[in-house]
Amino acid sequence: MDKKPLKKLFHINKEAYKSEYEKRFNDEDTIHLDIEISGNPAFICQTKEMFGSIISIERTNTAIVKMCSELPEKALIQYRNRCLTDEIVLTNNIEGVHSTRKEINEILADLSTKDRKKRFVGLVKKYAALSRNEEIPLSTSRDIRKIYDDIFYNEISATDPGNLPDGEIFRKSDVSVYSPTQKIIHTGVHPESEIVSVMDKSLDFLTNADCDILIRIAVFHYLFGYIHPFYDGNGRTDRFISSYLLSKELNSLIGYHISYTIKENINKYYDAFDTCNHPLNKGDLTPFAEMFLSLVDISMKQLYDEIKDKLDKFNFYGDLCPKLPKADHKDVIMLYFVLIQAALFSEDGISQKELEGFFNASYSSVRNKLSYIPDELLIKNTRDRHAYYMLNLDKVDIMFSK
């Protein structure tokens, strides 16, 4: 926004503050919500900064879609799983919840697990659904509760049942957000009847065709945080919903990247919440929407750079395959190709079983093919007593740098 947030303008010039509020609130392009924020009617000014971010996001998305079409489907699946792991670790980390790549990968490797009380099973399953383009209802407060239950209910029930929702849909009691110094910086909407009312209105806003969908997603992200409908898990539920909504409008990989960008810009993220929550900001949600869209833009560009780098390397090493040791033996050149792909896109490599399926060959036949790869070029990882393989690309670089 070219102009200062109203909250800041108040301390500079009170008359200008009042005049600017009237101007913004009554502008013909301003979108009004049937919701109050800290006692003021909520509104969004549709600014050139927002539309600049949206244009950039859509252009980058087009380029990402094109690059993804040039990659093998298996490479995309491997990369998606790797990004999913990153997203879950980071969305947990933002809330001070410790999780490791290892435990997330173990759940991801067996999504059929019946152990719903195991930490993060619900979260992993929900994020995994994004890649399958599953429709998740988002029309009423009960839909929000269903998402929460799928992600957290069994886990919290087993570890901290006192933090489960105790109302008909959401929480009955008040809840506050604290700063690192334990100062209350925000109190969620209450009582529960008001939580339900404001949440339903926020969900209605997601269907408001007068406003670009990306702006609606940004505003809903803010509103969910402002409402704070649960005792625990609000931030992660909010980020999951945003990931889901963004993955429907853009390449689905963005759904596994947004927490990384938020974590990198965490102070800007929290400052925008604080600004819009403050009564002196008079319900103007523009600063948060601009900030959020700028983060989506950054995230899309980061995603583009990552995929571009991997695609360039994929083509580079692919061209080297015929020159690698024993590449003239049957299937070995294709094996090199698969191991290069695993090194660039997967977490731990490609499994023995996956190789058997790829070559439609027996265990011993695959082992025989692997024996043609020099030991110094083959990386073997073990997870849950299963072997995973990839090519050592650093060693390949050294081999061809001489």
Foldseek 3Di string as FASTA:
>chain_A
DVDDQLLVVCVVDVVVSVVVVVCQVPPPQKAWFPDDFLRFTAIEHDDPLLVVLVVLLVVLLVLVVVLVVVDDPVLVVQQLLVLQLVQVQLLCVLVVHHDDSQVLVVCVVPLVDPPPQPPFSLVSVLLVVLVVVDDQDQQFLQSLLVSCCSGPVSNCVVPPVVFFAPDPRFHQDKEFDADPVRHTLAIADDDPVVLRVLSNSLSVLCVPPSDDNLLSLQVSLLSQVRNVRTRDDSSVSSLQVSLSSVVVVGPNSLSSFLSVLCVVVVVLQVVLSSSCNDVSSRNYSHSRSSSSSVSSSVRSVVVSVLSVVLSVVLVVVLVCLCVAFPSPDPCLSVVQSQQASQVSRHDFAAWLVVVCVVVVHDSVVVVVSVVRHDPVQWDWDADPNTIHIHTDVVVVCVVPVD
